């Protein structure tokens, strides 16, 4: 699948979804619902000119293009962790591409999102300064 230079921008995720084709919109709305179920505490907003979920930093995102949709996992390590489950799909370093008529497996999306949540939580724990206890 070839990327296109056509850029769709919305003020919020609902507006973004209303600006894409019906098939892409339906596929991305299913993806959005799955992400919300897997990451109920995540906040969605437009970033990088596409819908992105945030949970202790960028979590995952998605976008519609002329001939495909993309699910941005945003983590090569998570992609590698699930490489066997992803091998039949069109992927790159941190992205899974799919067409509206062949949506992503809900179970796989949930696993990817949960792995990203765990990754972001681990980063937050590393960054927190440890309180020093004086004797």
Protein backbone atom coordinates (compact mmCIF):
# COMPACT_ATOMS: atom_id res chain seq x y z
CA UNK A 1 0.00 0.00 0.00
CA UNK A 2 1.33 3.36 -0.99
CA UNK A 3 1.06 6.41 1.27
CA UNK A 4 -0.63 9.49 -0.06
CA UNK A 5 0.08 13.15 0.52
CA UNK A 6 -3.57 13.99 1.09
CA UNK A 7 -3.84 15.26 4.67
CA UNK A 8 -7.09 15.21 6.61
CA UNK A 9 -7.26 17.47 9.64
CA UNK A 10 -10.05 18.00 12.15
CA UNK A 11 -10.42 20.02 15.33
CA UNK A 12 -11.29 16.88 17.26
CA UNK A 13 -11.53 13.16 16.60
CA UNK A 14 -15.23 13.24 15.70
CA UNK A 15 -14.60 15.96 13.12
CA UNK A 16 -11.64 14.05 11.76
CA UNK A 17 -13.75 10.91 11.34
CA UNK A 18 -16.54 12.85 9.61
CA UNK A 19 -14.00 14.06 7.05
CA UNK A 20 -12.95 10.59 5.84
CA UNK A 21 -14.75 8.22 3.48
CA UNK A 22 -17.63 6.14 4.84
CA UNK A 23 -15.72 2.85 4.67
CA UNK A 24 -12.65 4.28 6.39
CA UNK A 25 -14.81 6.04 8.97
CA UNK A 26 -16.58 2.80 9.91
CA UNK A 27 -13.27 0.91 10.19
CA UNK A 28 -11.67 3.67 12.27
CA UNK A 29 -14.73 3.99 14.52
CA UNK A 30 -14.44 0.23 15.26
CA UNK A 31 -10.75 0.70 15.96
CA UNK A 32 -11.49 3.71 18.20
CA UNK A 33 -14.04 1.68 20.18
CA UNK A 34 -11.53 -1.14 20.65
CA UNK A 35 -8.80 1.25 21.80
CA UNK A 36 -11.18 2.88 24.29
CA UNK A 37 -12.09 -0.55 25.70
CA UNK A 38 -8.43 -1.51 26.08
CA UNK A 39 -7.35 1.86 27.51
CA UNK A 40 -10.32 3.42 29.31
CA UNK A 41 -8.15 6.06 31.01
CA UNK A 42 -6.60 7.29 27.78
CA UNK A 43 -7.40 10.74 26.44
CA UNK A 44 -7.92 11.24 22.72
CA UNK A 45 -6.98 14.33 20.76
CA UNK A 46 -5.65 15.42 17.42
CA UNK A 47 -1.87 15.33 17.31
CA UNK A 48 0.45 14.89 14.35
CA UNK A 49 -2.70 15.81 12.31
CA UNK A 50 -4.39 12.55 13.31
CA UNK A 51 -6.31 11.06 16.24
CA UNK A 52 -3.91 10.00 19.00
CA UNK A 53 -4.70 8.46 22.37
CA UNK A 54 -2.57 9.61 25.32
CA UNK A 55 -1.86 7.62 28.45
CA UNK A 56 1.32 8.76 30.21
CA UNK A 57 2.39 10.12 26.83
CA UNK A 58 1.39 9.15 23.29
CA UNK A 59 -0.16 5.69 23.32
CA UNK A 60 -1.52 4.81 19.86
CA UNK A 61 -3.05 6.64 16.93
CA UNK A 62 -4.86 6.05 13.68
CA UNK A 63 -5.41 7.73 10.35
CA UNK A 64 -7.14 7.32 7.01
CA UNK A 65 -5.34 7.62 3.71
CA UNK A 66 -6.53 7.37 0.12
CA UNK A 67 -6.13 3.61 -0.21
CA UNK A 68 -5.70 2.37 3.36
CA UNK A 69 -5.98 3.09 7.07
CA UNK A 70 -3.13 2.99 9.55
CA UNK A 71 -2.98 1.99 13.19
CA UNK A 72 0.06 3.63 14.76
CA UNK A 73 1.34 1.45 17.59
CA UNK A 74 4.22 3.92 18.05
CA UNK A 75 6.58 1.28 19.42
CA UNK A 76 8.96 -0.95 17.50
CA UNK A 77 9.45 -3.07 20.63
CA UNK A 78 5.72 -3.78 20.95
CA UNK A 79 5.54 -4.55 17.24
CA UNK A 80 8.43 -6.98 17.69
CA UNK A 81 6.78 -8.60 20.71
CA UNK A 82 3.75 -9.46 18.55
CA UNK A 83 5.63 -10.12 15.29
CA UNK A 84 4.15 -13.61 14.87
CA UNK A 85 0.58 -12.29 15.14
CA UNK A 86 1.43 -9.38 12.84
CA UNK A 87 3.33 -11.32 10.16
CA UNK A 88 0.32 -11.69 7.84
CA UNK A 89 -0.38 -7.93 7.98
CA UNK A 90 1.16 -4.95 6.19
CA UNK A 91 3.44 -3.46 8.85
CA UNK A 92 6.41 -1.18 9.30
CA UNK A 93 8.46 -0.18 12.33
CA UNK A 94 5.54 1.04 14.48
CA UNK A 95 2.53 0.91 12.14
CA UNK A 96 -0.06 -1.57 10.94
CA UNK A 97 -1.78 -0.73 7.64
CA UNK A 98 -5.16 -2.16 6.69
CA UNK A 99 -8.08 -1.50 4.39
CA UNK A 100 -11.56 -0.60 5.55
CA UNK A 101 -12.98 -3.84 4.17
CA UNK A 102 -10.42 -5.93 6.11
CA UNK A 103 -10.38 -4.40 9.61
CA UNK A 104 -7.86 -5.40 12.24
CA UNK A 105 -8.57 -8.23 14.64
CA UNK A 106 -10.09 -6.78 17.83
CA UNK A 107 -8.19 -9.17 20.08
CA UNK A 108 -4.87 -8.23 18.49
CA UNK A 109 -5.59 -4.50 18.78
CA UNK A 110 -6.41 -4.92 22.48
CA UNK A 111 -3.15 -6.80 23.06
CA UNK A 112 -1.15 -4.10 21.28
CA UNK A 113 -2.84 -1.28 23.20
CA UNK A 114 -2.38 -3.03 26.55
CA UNK A 115 1.29 -3.66 25.78
CA UNK A 116 1.70 0.04 24.94
CA UNK A 117 0.00 0.99 28.22
CA UNK A 118 2.43 -1.22 30.13
CA UNK A 119 5.34 0.30 28.23
CA UNK A 120 4.23 3.85 29.03
CA UNK A 121 3.60 2.98 32.69
CA UNK A 122 7.11 1.53 32.96
CA UNK A 123 8.58 4.73 31.50
CA UNK A 124 6.71 6.81 34.09
CA UNK A 125 7.98 4.63 36.93
CA UNK A 126 11.55 5.05 35.69
CA UNK A 127 11.22 8.83 35.53
CA UNK A 128 9.77 9.30 39.02
CA UNK A 129 12.44 10.35 41.47
CA UNK A 130 12.74 8.04 44.42
CA UNK A 131 12.28 9.70 47.75
CA UNK A 132 15.35 9.47 49.89
CA UNK A 133 14.82 8.30 53.42
CA UNK A 134 17.22 9.69 55.98
CA UNK A 135 18.00 7.68 59.08
